[in-house]
All heavy atoms as atom14 arrays in JSON, in Angstrom:
{
  "sequence": "VTFGGFTFGAPAGPTGNGTLATIQFTVVSQADGNLDLSSVTLTN",
  "atom14_mask": [
    [1, 1, 1, 1, 1, 1, 1, 0, 0, 0, 0, 0, 0, 0],
    [1, 1, 1, 1, 1, 1, 1, 0, 0, 0, 0, 0, 0, 0],
    [1, 1, 1, 1, 1, 1, 1, 1, 1, 1, 1, 0, 0, 0],
    [1, 1, 1, 1, 0, 0, 0, 0, 0, 0, 0, 0, 0, 0],
    [1, 1, 1, 1, 0, 0, 0, 0, 0, 0, 0, 0, 0, 0],
    [1, 1, 1, 1, 1, 1, 1, 1, 1, 1, 1, 0, 0, 0],
    [1, 1, 1, 1, 1, 1, 1, 0, 0, 0, 0, 0, 0, 0],
    [1, 1, 1, 1, 1, 1, 1, 1, 1, 1, 1, 0, 0, 0],
    [1, 1, 1, 1, 0, 0, 0, 0, 0, 0, 0, 0, 0, 0],
    [1, 1, 1, 1, 1, 0, 0, 0, 0, 0, 0, 0, 0, 0],
    [1, 1, 1, 1, 1, 1, 1, 0, 0, 0, 0, 0, 0, 0],
    [1, 1, 1, 1, 1, 0, 0, 0, 0, 0, 0, 0, 0, 0],
    [1, 1, 1, 1, 0, 0, 0, 0, 0, 0, 0, 0, 0, 0],
    [1, 1, 1, 1, 1, 1, 1, 0, 0, 0, 0, 0, 0, 0],
    [1, 1, 1, 1, 1, 1, 1, 0, 0, 0, 0, 0, 0, 0],
    [1, 1, 1, 1, 0, 0, 0, 0, 0, 0, 0, 0, 0, 0],
    [1, 1, 1, 1, 1, 1, 1, 1, 0, 0, 0, 0, 0, 0],
    [1, 1, 1, 1, 0, 0, 0, 0, 0, 0, 0, 0, 0, 0],
    [1, 1, 1, 1, 1, 1, 1, 0, 0, 0, 0, 0, 0, 0],
    [1, 1, 1, 1, 1, 1, 1, 1, 0, 0, 0, 0, 0, 0],
    [1, 1, 1, 1, 1, 0, 0, 0, 0, 0, 0, 0, 0, 0],
    [1, 1, 1, 1, 1, 1, 1, 0, 0, 0, 0, 0, 0, 0],
    [1, 1, 1, 1, 1, 1, 1, 1, 0, 0, 0, 0, 0, 0],
    [1, 1, 1, 1, 1, 1, 1, 1, 1, 0, 0, 0, 0, 0],
    [1, 1, 1, 1, 1, 1, 1, 1, 1, 1, 1, 0, 0, 0],
    [1, 1, 1, 1, 1, 1, 1, 0, 0, 0, 0, 0, 0, 0],
    [1, 1, 1, 1, 1, 1, 1, 0, 0, 0, 0, 0, 0, 0],
    [1, 1, 1, 1, 1, 1, 1, 0, 0, 0, 0, 0, 0, 0],
    [1, 1, 1, 1, 1, 1, 0, 0, 0, 0, 0, 0, 0, 0],
    [1, 1, 1, 1, 1, 1, 1, 1, 1, 0, 0, 0, 0, 0],
    [1, 1, 1, 1, 1, 0, 0, 0, 0, 0, 0, 0, 0, 0],
    [1, 1, 1, 1, 1, 1, 1, 1, 0, 0, 0, 0, 0, 0],
    [1, 1, 1, 1, 0, 0, 0, 0, 0, 0, 0, 0, 0, 0],
    [1, 1, 1, 1, 1, 1, 1, 1, 0, 0, 0, 0, 0, 0],
    [1, 1, 1, 1, 1, 1, 1, 1, 0, 0, 0, 0, 0, 0],
    [1, 1, 1, 1, 1, 1, 1, 1, 0, 0, 0, 0, 0, 0],
    [1, 1, 1, 1, 1, 1, 1, 1, 0, 0, 0, 0, 0, 0],
    [1, 1, 1, 1, 1, 1, 0, 0, 0, 0, 0, 0, 0, 0],
    [1, 1, 1, 1, 1, 1, 0, 0, 0, 0, 0, 0, 0, 0],
    [1, 1, 1, 1, 1, 1, 1, 0, 0, 0, 0, 0, 0, 0],
    [1, 1, 1, 1, 1, 1, 1, 0, 0, 0, 0, 0, 0, 0],
    [1, 1, 1, 1, 1, 1, 1, 1, 0, 0, 0, 0, 0, 0],
    [1, 1, 1, 1, 1, 1, 1, 0, 0, 0, 0, 0, 0, 0],
    [1, 1, 1, 1, 1, 1, 1, 1, 0, 0, 0, 0, 0, 0]
  ],
  "atom14_positions": [
    [[4.83, -11.55, 0.29], [3.68, -11.62, -0.6], [3.18, -10.2, -0.82], [3.08, -9.4, 0.12], [2.56, -12.52, 0.0], [2.17, -12.07, 1.4], [1.35, -12.52, -0.91], [0.0, 0.0, 0.0], [0.0, 0.0, 0.0], [0.0, 0.0, 0.0], [0.0, 0.0, 0.0], [0.0, 0.0, 0.0], [0.0, 0.0, 0.0], [0.0, 0.0, 0.0]],
    [[2.92, -9.86, -2.08], [2.37, -8.56, -2.46], [1.0, -8.78, -3.07], [0.83, -9.64, -3.94], [3.28, -7.85, -3.48], [4.58, -7.68, -2.92], [2.72, -6.49, -3.86], [0.0, 0.0, 0.0], [0.0, 0.0, 0.0], [0.0, 0.0, 0.0], [0.0, 0.0, 0.0], [0.0, 0.0, 0.0], [0.0, 0.0, 0.0], [0.0, 0.0, 0.0]],
    [[0.02, -7.99, -2.62], [-1.34, -8.19, -3.1], [-2.09, -6.86, -3.05], [-1.77, -5.97, -2.27], [-2.07, -9.22, -2.24], [-3.45, -9.57, -2.76], [-3.61, -10.18, -3.99], [-4.58, -9.29, -2.0], [-4.87, -10.5, -4.47], [-5.85, -9.62, -2.47], [-6.0, -10.23, -3.71], [0.0, 0.0, 0.0], [0.0, 0.0, 0.0], [0.0, 0.0, 0.0]],
    [[-3.09, -6.74, -3.93], [-3.91, -5.54, -3.94], [-5.1, -5.72, -4.85], [-5.43, -6.82, -5.31], [0.0, 0.0, 0.0], [0.0, 0.0, 0.0], [0.0, 0.0, 0.0], [0.0, 0.0, 0.0], [0.0, 0.0, 0.0], [0.0, 0.0, 0.0], [0.0, 0.0, 0.0], [0.0, 0.0, 0.0], [0.0, 0.0, 0.0], [0.0, 0.0, 0.0]],
    [[-5.77, -4.61, -5.13], [-6.92, -4.62, -6.02], [-7.41, -3.21, -6.26], [-7.1, -2.29, -5.5], [0.0, 0.0, 0.0], [0.0, 0.0, 0.0], [0.0, 0.0, 0.0], [0.0, 0.0, 0.0], [0.0, 0.0, 0.0], [0.0, 0.0, 0.0], [0.0, 0.0, 0.0], [0.0, 0.0, 0.0], [0.0, 0.0, 0.0], [0.0, 0.0, 0.0]],
    [[-8.17, -3.02, -7.36], [-8.76, -1.73, -7.63], [-10.19, -1.94, -8.16], [-10.55, -3.04, -8.58], [-7.92, -0.91, -8.63], [-7.89, -1.47, -10.02], [-8.81, -1.09, -10.98], [-6.91, -2.4, -10.38], [-8.76, -1.62, -12.27], [-6.86, -2.93, -11.67], [-7.79, -2.54, -12.61], [0.0, 0.0, 0.0], [0.0, 0.0, 0.0], [0.0, 0.0, 0.0]],
    [[-10.98, -0.87, -8.1], [-12.37, -0.95, -8.54], [-12.67, 0.18, -9.52], [-11.92, 1.14, -9.64], [-13.33, -0.82, -7.35], [-13.13, 0.45, -6.71], [-13.08, -1.93, -6.32], [0.0, 0.0, 0.0], [0.0, 0.0, 0.0], [0.0, 0.0, 0.0], [0.0, 0.0, 0.0], [0.0, 0.0, 0.0], [0.0, 0.0, 0.0], [0.0, 0.0, 0.0]],
    [[-13.8, 0.03, -10.21], [-14.27, 1.09, -11.11], [-15.8, 1.03, -11.12], [-16.4, 0.04, -10.7], [-13.7, 0.92, -12.52], [-14.02, -0.43, -13.13], [-15.16, -0.63, -13.88], [-13.16, -1.51, -12.93], [-15.45, -1.88, -14.43], [-13.44, -2.76, -13.48], [-14.59, -2.94, -14.23], [0.0, 0.0, 0.0], [0.0, 0.0, 0.0], [0.0, 0.0, 0.0]],
    [[-16.41, 2.1, -11.58], [-17.86, 2.12, -11.66], [-18.44, 3.34, -10.96], [-17.74, 4.16, -10.38], [0.0, 0.0, 0.0], [0.0, 0.0, 0.0], [0.0, 0.0, 0.0], [0.0, 0.0, 0.0], [0.0, 0.0, 0.0], [0.0, 0.0, 0.0], [0.0, 0.0, 0.0], [0.0, 0.0, 0.0], [0.0, 0.0, 0.0], [0.0, 0.0, 0.0]],
    [[-19.78, 3.44, -11.01], [-20.47, 4.61, -10.5], [-20.61, 4.65, -8.99], [-20.5, 5.73, -8.39], [-21.85, 4.7, -11.15], [0.0, 0.0, 0.0], [0.0, 0.0, 0.0], [0.0, 0.0, 0.0], [0.0, 0.0, 0.0], [0.0, 0.0, 0.0], [0.0, 0.0, 0.0], [0.0, 0.0, 0.0], [0.0, 0.0, 0.0], [0.0, 0.0, 0.0]],
    [[-20.88, 3.54, -8.29], [-21.11, 3.67, -6.84], [-19.87, 4.19, -6.12], [-18.74, 4.02, -6.57], [-21.41, 2.22, -6.41], [-21.78, 1.5, -7.66], [-21.01, 2.16, -8.75], [0.0, 0.0, 0.0], [0.0, 0.0, 0.0], [0.0, 0.0, 0.0], [0.0, 0.0, 0.0], [0.0, 0.0, 0.0], [0.0, 0.0, 0.0], [0.0, 0.0, 0.0]],
    [[-20.13, 4.84, -5.0], [-19.01, 5.29, -4.16], [-18.31, 4.08, -3.56], [-18.9, 3.0, -3.41], [-19.53, 6.19, -3.05], [0.0, 0.0, 0.0], [0.0, 0.0, 0.0], [0.0, 0.0, 0.0], [0.0, 0.0, 0.0], [0.0, 0.0, 0.0], [0.0, 0.0, 0.0], [0.0, 0.0, 0.0], [0.0, 0.0, 0.0], [0.0, 0.0, 0.0]],
    [[-17.04, 4.27, -3.23], [-16.29, 3.19, -2.6], [-16.7, 3.01, -1.14], [-17.33, 3.88, -0.55], [0.0, 0.0, 0.0], [0.0, 0.0, 0.0], [0.0, 0.0, 0.0], [0.0, 0.0, 0.0], [0.0, 0.0, 0.0], [0.0, 0.0, 0.0], [0.0, 0.0, 0.0], [0.0, 0.0, 0.0], [0.0, 0.0, 0.0], [0.0, 0.0, 0.0]],
    [[-16.34, 1.88, -0.54], [-16.74, 1.61, 0.83], [-16.0, 2.46, 1.85], [-14.88, 2.92, 1.62], [-16.38, 0.12, 1.01], [-15.24, -0.09, 0.06], [-15.53, 0.79, -1.11], [0.0, 0.0, 0.0], [0.0, 0.0, 0.0], [0.0, 0.0, 0.0], [0.0, 0.0, 0.0], [0.0, 0.0, 0.0], [0.0, 0.0, 0.0], [0.0, 0.0, 0.0]],
    [[-16.64, 2.67, 2.99], [-16.03, 3.35, 4.12], [-16.24, 2.5, 5.37], [-16.99, 1.53, 5.35], [-16.65, 4.74, 4.35], [-18.06, 4.58, 4.6], [-16.45, 5.63, 3.14], [0.0, 0.0, 0.0], [0.0, 0.0, 0.0], [0.0, 0.0, 0.0], [0.0, 0.0, 0.0], [0.0, 0.0, 0.0], [0.0, 0.0, 0.0], [0.0, 0.0, 0.0]],
    [[-15.53, 2.87, 6.44], [-15.71, 2.14, 7.69], [-14.65, 1.1, 7.92], [-13.46, 1.32, 7.68], [0.0, 0.0, 0.0], [0.0, 0.0, 0.0], [0.0, 0.0, 0.0], [0.0, 0.0, 0.0], [0.0, 0.0, 0.0], [0.0, 0.0, 0.0], [0.0, 0.0, 0.0], [0.0, 0.0, 0.0], [0.0, 0.0, 0.0], [0.0, 0.0, 0.0]],
    [[-15.09, -0.1, 8.34], [-14.18, -1.19, 8.69], [-14.48, -2.42, 7.84], [-15.64, -2.65, 7.46], [-14.33, -1.57, 10.17], [-14.24, -0.37, 11.1], [-13.51, 0.59, 10.81], [-14.96, -0.42, 12.2], [0.0, 0.0, 0.0], [0.0, 0.0, 0.0], [0.0, 0.0, 0.0], [0.0, 0.0, 0.0], [0.0, 0.0, 0.0], [0.0, 0.0, 0.0]],
    [[-13.46, -3.22, 7.56], [-13.7, -4.45, 6.81], [-12.42, -5.22, 6.54], [-11.33, -4.84, 6.97], [0.0, 0.0, 0.0], [0.0, 0.0, 0.0], [0.0, 0.0, 0.0], [0.0, 0.0, 0.0], [0.0, 0.0, 0.0], [0.0, 0.0, 0.0], [0.0, 0.0, 0.0], [0.0, 0.0, 0.0], [0.0, 0.0, 0.0], [0.0, 0.0, 0.0]],
    [[-12.58, -6.33, 5.8], [-11.46, -7.21, 5.46], [-11.01, -6.95, 4.03], [-11.8, -7.1, 3.09], [-11.87, -8.69, 5.61], [-12.3, -8.93, 6.95], [-10.71, -9.61, 5.28], [0.0, 0.0, 0.0], [0.0, 0.0, 0.0], [0.0, 0.0, 0.0], [0.0, 0.0, 0.0], [0.0, 0.0, 0.0], [0.0, 0.0, 0.0], [0.0, 0.0, 0.0]],
    [[-9.75, -6.54, 3.87], [-9.2, -6.31, 2.54], [-8.79, -7.61, 1.87], [-9.0, -7.78, 0.66], [-7.98, -5.39, 2.63], [-8.23, -3.95, 3.11], [-6.91, -3.2, 3.22], [-9.19, -3.22, 2.18], [0.0, 0.0, 0.0], [0.0, 0.0, 0.0], [0.0, 0.0, 0.0], [0.0, 0.0, 0.0], [0.0, 0.0, 0.0], [0.0, 0.0, 0.0]],
    [[-8.19, -8.52, 2.62], [-7.68, -9.76, 2.03], [-7.5, -10.8, 3.13], [-7.46, -10.48, 4.32], [-6.35, -9.52, 1.33], [0.0, 0.0, 0.0], [0.0, 0.0, 0.0], [0.0, 0.0, 0.0], [0.0, 0.0, 0.0], [0.0, 0.0, 0.0], [0.0, 0.0, 0.0], [0.0, 0.0, 0.0], [0.0, 0.0, 0.0], [0.0, 0.0, 0.0]],
    [[-7.4, -12.04, 2.7], [-7.14, -13.17, 3.6], [-5.97, -13.96, 3.06], [-5.91, -14.25, 1.85], [-8.38, -14.07, 3.73], [-9.45, -13.31, 4.29], [-8.09, -15.26, 4.62], [0.0, 0.0, 0.0], [0.0, 0.0, 0.0], [0.0, 0.0, 0.0], [0.0, 0.0, 0.0], [0.0, 0.0, 0.0], [0.0, 0.0, 0.0], [0.0, 0.0, 0.0]],
    [[-5.02, -14.3, 3.93], [-3.81, -15.04, 3.53], [-3.71, -16.29, 4.37], [-3.86, -16.26, 5.6], [-2.54, -14.18, 3.73], [-2.7, -12.83, 3.04], [-1.32, -14.92, 3.21], [-1.55, -11.87, 3.34], [0.0, 0.0, 0.0], [0.0, 0.0, 0.0], [0.0, 0.0, 0.0], [0.0, 0.0, 0.0], [0.0, 0.0, 0.0], [0.0, 0.0, 0.0]],
    [[-3.43, -17.42, 3.7], [-3.17, -18.67, 4.4], [-1.67, -18.96, 4.38], [-1.06, -19.02, 3.3], [-3.94, -19.82, 3.77], [-5.42, -19.82, 4.08], [-6.07, -21.14, 3.74], [-5.89, -21.67, 2.65], [-6.84, -21.69, 4.69], [0.0, 0.0, 0.0], [0.0, 0.0, 0.0], [0.0, 0.0, 0.0], [0.0, 0.0, 0.0], [0.0, 0.0, 0.0]],
    [[-1.1, -19.12, 5.55], [0.32, -19.46, 5.69], [0.45, -20.94, 6.08], [-0.38, -21.46, 6.82], [0.97, -18.6, 6.77], [1.15, -17.16, 6.4], [0.15, -16.24, 6.64], [2.33, -16.73, 5.8], [0.3, -14.91, 6.3], [2.5, -15.4, 5.45], [1.49, -14.49, 5.7], [0.0, 0.0, 0.0], [0.0, 0.0, 0.0], [0.0, 0.0, 0.0]],
    [[1.51, -21.56, 5.57], [1.84, -22.94, 5.93], [3.03, -22.92, 6.88], [4.02, -22.22, 6.64], [2.19, -23.77, 4.68], [1.07, -23.75, 3.78], [2.5, -25.21, 5.06], [0.0, 0.0, 0.0], [0.0, 0.0, 0.0], [0.0, 0.0, 0.0], [0.0, 0.0, 0.0], [0.0, 0.0, 0.0], [0.0, 0.0, 0.0], [0.0, 0.0, 0.0]],
    [[2.93, -23.69, 7.98], [4.0, -23.71, 8.98], [5.17, -24.56, 8.47], [4.99, -25.7, 8.07], [3.47, -24.28, 10.32], [4.61, -24.34, 11.34], [2.33, -23.43, 10.84], [0.0, 0.0, 0.0], [0.0, 0.0, 0.0], [0.0, 0.0, 0.0], [0.0, 0.0, 0.0], [0.0, 0.0, 0.0], [0.0, 0.0, 0.0], [0.0, 0.0, 0.0]],
    [[6.36, -23.95, 8.49], [7.59, -24.65, 8.11], [8.31, -25.16, 9.35], [8.82, -26.27, 9.38], [8.51, -23.72, 7.28], [9.82, -24.42, 6.93], [7.79, -23.24, 6.02], [0.0, 0.0, 0.0], [0.0, 0.0, 0.0], [0.0, 0.0, 0.0], [0.0, 0.0, 0.0], [0.0, 0.0, 0.0], [0.0, 0.0, 0.0], [0.0, 0.0, 0.0]],
    [[8.36, -24.34, 10.39], [8.94, -24.75, 11.67], [8.23, -24.01, 12.79], [7.84, -22.85, 12.62], [10.45, -24.48, 11.72], [10.7, -23.08, 11.64], [0.0, 0.0, 0.0], [0.0, 0.0, 0.0], [0.0, 0.0, 0.0], [0.0, 0.0, 0.0], [0.0, 0.0, 0.0], [0.0, 0.0, 0.0], [0.0, 0.0, 0.0], [0.0, 0.0, 0.0]],
    [[8.09, -24.66, 13.93], [7.4, -24.05, 15.06], [8.4, -23.23, 15.87], [9.02, -23.72, 16.81], [6.74, -25.12, 15.92], [5.55, -25.78, 15.24], [4.89, -26.82, 16.12], [5.57, -27.66, 16.7], [3.58, -26.78, 16.23], [0.0, 0.0, 0.0], [0.0, 0.0, 0.0], [0.0, 0.0, 0.0], [0.0, 0.0, 0.0], [0.0, 0.0, 0.0]],
    [[8.54, -21.97, 15.47], [9.47, -21.07, 16.14], [8.86, -19.68, 16.16], [8.1, -19.3, 15.27], [10.82, -21.04, 15.4], [0.0, 0.0, 0.0], [0.0, 0.0, 0.0], [0.0, 0.0, 0.0], [0.0, 0.0, 0.0], [0.0, 0.0, 0.0], [0.0, 0.0, 0.0], [0.0, 0.0, 0.0], [0.0, 0.0, 0.0], [0.0, 0.0, 0.0]],
    [[9.2, -18.9, 17.19], [8.69, -17.54, 17.3], [9.11, -16.71, 16.09], [10.22, -16.86, 15.56], [9.21, -16.87, 18.57], [8.61, -17.47, 19.85], [7.73, -18.34, 19.73], [9.03, -17.04, 20.93], [0.0, 0.0, 0.0], [0.0, 0.0, 0.0], [0.0, 0.0, 0.0], [0.0, 0.0, 0.0], [0.0, 0.0, 0.0], [0.0, 0.0, 0.0]],
    [[8.24, -15.83, 15.66], [8.55, -14.99, 14.51], [7.58, -13.84, 14.4], [6.88, -13.48, 15.34], [0.0, 0.0, 0.0], [0.0, 0.0, 0.0], [0.0, 0.0, 0.0], [0.0, 0.0, 0.0], [0.0, 0.0, 0.0], [0.0, 0.0, 0.0], [0.0, 0.0, 0.0], [0.0, 0.0, 0.0], [0.0, 0.0, 0.0], [0.0, 0.0, 0.0]],
    [[7.51, -13.24, 13.19], [6.71, -12.05, 12.99], [6.25, -11.97, 11.54], [6.99, -12.37, 10.62], [7.54, -10.81, 13.35], [6.79, -9.51, 13.1], [6.96, -8.88, 12.07], [5.95, -9.12, 14.03], [0.0, 0.0, 0.0], [0.0, 0.0, 0.0], [0.0, 0.0, 0.0], [0.0, 0.0, 0.0], [0.0, 0.0, 0.0], [0.0, 0.0, 0.0]],
    [[5.04, -11.48, 11.34], [4.55, -11.12, 10.01], [4.53, -9.6, 9.94], [3.85, -8.95, 10.73], [3.15, -11.68, 9.77], [2.98, -13.19, 9.9], [1.52, -13.58, 9.69], [3.87, -13.94, 8.92], [0.0, 0.0, 0.0], [0.0, 0.0, 0.0], [0.0, 0.0, 0.0], [0.0, 0.0, 0.0], [0.0, 0.0, 0.0], [0.0, 0.0, 0.0]],
    [[5.27, -9.03, 8.99], [5.47, -7.58, 8.92], [4.65, -7.01, 7.76], [4.92, -7.31, 6.6], [6.96, -7.29, 8.72], [7.22, -5.82, 8.47], [6.63, -5.0, 9.18], [8.0, -5.51, 7.55], [0.0, 0.0, 0.0], [0.0, 0.0, 0.0], [0.0, 0.0, 0.0], [0.0, 0.0, 0.0], [0.0, 0.0, 0.0], [0.0, 0.0, 0.0]],
    [[3.66, -6.18, 8.1], [2.84, -5.5, 7.09], [3.52, -4.19, 6.7], [3.8, -3.36, 7.56], [1.45, -5.24, 7.66], [0.45, -4.52, 6.76], [0.11, -5.36, 5.54], [-0.81, -4.17, 7.55], [0.0, 0.0, 0.0], [0.0, 0.0, 0.0], [0.0, 0.0, 0.0], [0.0, 0.0, 0.0], [0.0, 0.0, 0.0], [0.0, 0.0, 0.0]],
    [[3.76, -4.0, 5.4], [4.48, -2.8, 4.95], [3.99, -2.37, 3.58], [3.19, -3.06, 2.93], [6.0, -3.08, 4.9], [6.29, -4.07, 3.93], [0.0, 0.0, 0.0], [0.0, 0.0, 0.0], [0.0, 0.0, 0.0], [0.0, 0.0, 0.0], [0.0, 0.0, 0.0], [0.0, 0.0, 0.0], [0.0, 0.0, 0.0], [0.0, 0.0, 0.0]],
    [[4.48, -1.21, 3.14], [4.19, -0.65, 1.8], [2.69, -0.61, 1.51], [2.24, -0.94, 0.41], [4.91, -1.46, 0.71], [6.3, -1.48, 0.93], [0.0, 0.0, 0.0], [0.0, 0.0, 0.0], [0.0, 0.0, 0.0], [0.0, 0.0, 0.0], [0.0, 0.0, 0.0], [0.0, 0.0, 0.0], [0.0, 0.0, 0.0], [0.0, 0.0, 0.0]],
    [[1.92, -0.17, 2.51], [0.46, -0.1, 2.36], [0.09, 1.18, 1.61], [0.49, 2.27, 2.0], [-0.24, -0.13, 3.73], [-1.75, -0.02, 3.55], [0.11, -1.4, 4.49], [0.0, 0.0, 0.0], [0.0, 0.0, 0.0], [0.0, 0.0, 0.0], [0.0, 0.0, 0.0], [0.0, 0.0, 0.0], [0.0, 0.0, 0.0], [0.0, 0.0, 0.0]],
    [[-0.66, 1.04, 0.53], [-1.17, 2.19, -0.21], [-2.68, 2.05, -0.39], [-3.18, 0.96, -0.67], [-0.5, 2.34, -1.59], [-0.71, 1.14, -2.36], [1.0, 2.57, -1.45], [0.0, 0.0, 0.0], [0.0, 0.0, 0.0], [0.0, 0.0, 0.0], [0.0, 0.0, 0.0], [0.0, 0.0, 0.0], [0.0, 0.0, 0.0], [0.0, 0.0, 0.0]],
    [[-3.38, 3.17, -0.23], [-4.83, 3.23, -0.43], [-5.15, 4.39, -1.34], [-4.52, 5.44, -1.27], [-5.55, 3.44, 0.91], [-5.24, 2.47, 2.06], [-5.95, 2.94, 3.33], [-5.65, 1.05, 1.71], [0.0, 0.0, 0.0], [0.0, 0.0, 0.0], [0.0, 0.0, 0.0], [0.0, 0.0, 0.0], [0.0, 0.0, 0.0], [0.0, 0.0, 0.0]],
    [[-6.14, 4.21, -2.23], [-6.59, 5.3, -3.08], [-8.09, 5.51, -2.89], [-8.83, 4.58, -2.55], [-6.31, 5.02, -4.57], [-6.96, 3.79, -4.96], [-4.81, 4.9, -4.82], [0.0, 0.0, 0.0], [0.0, 0.0, 0.0], [0.0, 0.0, 0.0], [0.0, 0.0, 0.0], [0.0, 0.0, 0.0], [0.0, 0.0, 0.0], [0.0, 0.0, 0.0]],
    [[-8.55, 6.75, -3.12], [-9.97, 7.05, -2.95], [-10.68, 7.11, -4.28], [-10.06, 7.26, -5.34], [-10.16, 8.35, -2.16], [-9.72, 9.58, -2.94], [-10.32, 9.95, -3.93], [-8.64, 10.22, -2.48], [0.0, 0.0, 0.0], [0.0, 0.0, 0.0], [0.0, 0.0, 0.0], [0.0, 0.0, 0.0], [0.0, 0.0, 0.0], [0.0, 0.0, 0.0]]
  ]
}
């Protein structure tokens, strides 16, 4: 899954800590695995 967003306007962008996105996964089989976060880009 690829997801992102951008903003525009006069106020400064946020700093600190927070939630960028929320993803709901559906279980297909109950087996050990991994969710791999990659290709992260941020702009100021």
